[in-house]
Amino acid sequence: MTLEQAQATVDEWINTHGVRYFNELTNMAMLVEEVGEVARIIARRYGEQSEKESDKNKDLGDELADVLFVLICLANQTGINLDEALKKNLDKKTARDHERHHSNEKLK
């Protein structure tokens, strides 16, 4: 599925199963909440914090998908084509960072 297809799928889901998009500020708060859930799993599963028994069955993929869903909602609401935005962003990063990371002693 392309990002463009994902945006259309989310829009169809909202219009079929939801009443409407939450407003942008609500979705921004929801995005932060979902990123926090991802951070909790990463910190406990891959970081130095011990994983609580109640967190051991949490699905990182599902939590990442929650982040992606809300991010797509925000893109749809604000008229952003994520395929185009990602391509443009990668071009920017390539031009800016083409040699930078290879020259970074910290990465060797």
Protein backbone atom coordinates (compact mmCIF):
# COMPACT_ATOMS: atom_id res chain seq x y z
CA MET A 1 0.00 0.00 0.00
CA THR A 2 1.38 3.40 -0.91
CA LEU A 3 1.03 6.36 1.40
CA GLU A 4 -1.50 7.82 -1.03
CA GLN A 5 -3.54 4.61 -0.83
CA ALA A 6 -3.22 4.64 2.97
CA GLN A 7 -4.52 8.21 3.05
CA ALA A 8 -7.52 7.21 0.93
CA THR A 9 -8.15 4.13 3.07
CA VAL A 10 -8.08 6.14 6.31
CA ASP A 11 -10.37 8.77 4.79
CA GLU A 12 -12.82 6.06 3.72
CA TRP A 13 -12.66 4.50 7.19
CA ILE A 14 -13.36 7.85 8.87
CA ASN A 15 -16.30 8.51 6.56
CA THR A 16 -17.70 4.98 6.98
CA HIS A 17 -17.03 4.16 10.63
CA GLY A 18 -16.37 7.50 12.24
CA VAL A 19 -18.69 10.46 12.41
CA ARG A 20 -16.00 12.88 11.21
CA TYR A 21 -12.34 13.66 11.75
CA PHE A 22 -11.52 14.95 15.21
CA ASN A 23 -10.24 18.51 14.94
CA GLU A 24 -6.55 19.06 14.30
CA LEU A 25 -5.73 19.98 17.90
CA THR A 26 -7.43 16.85 19.21
CA ASN A 27 -5.60 14.72 16.66
CA MET A 28 -2.31 16.36 17.60
CA ALA A 29 -2.91 15.46 21.25
CA MET A 30 -3.85 11.92 20.20
CA LEU A 31 -0.65 11.66 18.14
CA VAL A 32 1.46 12.61 21.15
CA GLU A 33 -0.44 10.08 23.27
CA GLU A 34 0.18 7.30 20.72
CA VAL A 35 3.88 8.21 20.41
CA GLY A 36 4.07 7.99 24.20
CA GLU A 37 2.73 4.44 24.06
CA VAL A 38 5.43 3.54 21.51
CA ALA A 39 8.06 5.20 23.70
CA ARG A 40 6.93 3.18 26.72
CA ILE A 41 7.34 -0.12 24.86
CA ILE A 42 10.72 0.87 23.39
CA ALA A 43 12.05 2.13 26.74
CA ARG A 44 11.01 -1.01 28.56
CA ARG A 45 11.66 -3.63 25.89
CA TYR A 46 14.85 -2.24 24.35
CA GLY A 47 16.00 0.31 26.90
CA GLU A 48 17.17 0.03 30.45
CA GLN A 49 13.80 0.11 32.21
CA SER A 50 12.38 -3.22 33.27
CA GLU A 51 9.30 -4.31 31.40
CA LYS A 52 6.22 -4.61 33.57
CA GLU A 53 4.21 -7.79 33.27
CA SER A 54 1.26 -5.76 31.96
CA ASP A 55 3.43 -4.40 29.11
CA LYS A 56 4.88 -7.71 27.90
CA ASN A 57 1.98 -8.50 25.59
CA LYS A 58 1.80 -5.02 24.05
CA ASP A 59 2.19 -5.13 20.27
CA LEU A 60 4.74 -2.58 19.07
CA GLY A 61 3.51 -2.94 15.48
CA ASP A 62 -0.04 -2.14 16.53
CA GLU A 63 1.12 0.91 18.48
CA LEU A 64 3.18 2.13 15.51
CA ALA A 65 0.11 1.66 13.31
CA ASP A 66 -1.88 3.82 15.76
CA VAL A 67 0.74 6.56 15.31
CA LEU A 68 0.56 6.21 11.53
CA PHE A 69 -3.25 6.31 11.55
CA VAL A 70 -3.40 9.59 13.47
CA LEU A 71 -0.56 11.05 11.39
CA ILE A 72 -2.50 10.19 8.23
CA CYS A 73 -5.61 11.82 9.70
CA LEU A 74 -3.64 15.03 10.26
CA ALA A 75 -2.24 14.90 6.73
CA ASN A 76 -5.72 14.39 5.28
CA GLN A 77 -7.15 17.24 7.30
CA THR A 78 -4.44 19.67 6.30
CA GLY A 79 -4.28 18.72 2.61
CA ILE A 80 -0.85 17.09 2.73
CA ASN A 81 -0.04 14.36 0.21
CA LEU A 82 2.34 12.20 2.23
CA ASP A 83 3.83 10.52 -0.87
CA GLU A 84 4.89 13.92 -2.21
CA ALA A 85 5.94 15.23 1.20
CA LEU A 86 8.13 12.19 1.90
CA LYS A 87 9.79 12.33 -1.53
CA LYS A 88 10.52 16.05 -1.06
CA ASN A 89 11.84 15.40 2.46
CA LEU A 90 14.15 12.60 1.29
CA ASP A 91 15.51 14.85 -1.48
CA LYS A 92 16.24 17.52 1.14
CA LYS A 93 17.96 15.04 3.44
CA THR A 94 19.98 13.56 0.58
CA ALA A 95 21.26 16.95 -0.52
CA ARG A 96 22.03 18.06 3.01
CA ASP A 97 23.37 14.84 4.51
CA HIS A 98 24.93 12.97 1.58
CA GLU A 99 28.44 13.11 3.05
CA ARG A 100 27.69 14.26 6.59
CA HIS A 101 26.93 10.87 8.12
CA HIS A 102 29.81 9.12 6.36
CA SER A 103 32.16 11.75 7.81
CA ASN A 104 30.78 11.45 11.34
CA GLU A 105 33.38 9.76 13.52
CA LYS A 106 30.70 8.91 16.08
CA LEU A 107 29.04 6.59 13.58
CA LYS A 108 32.14 4.53 12.83
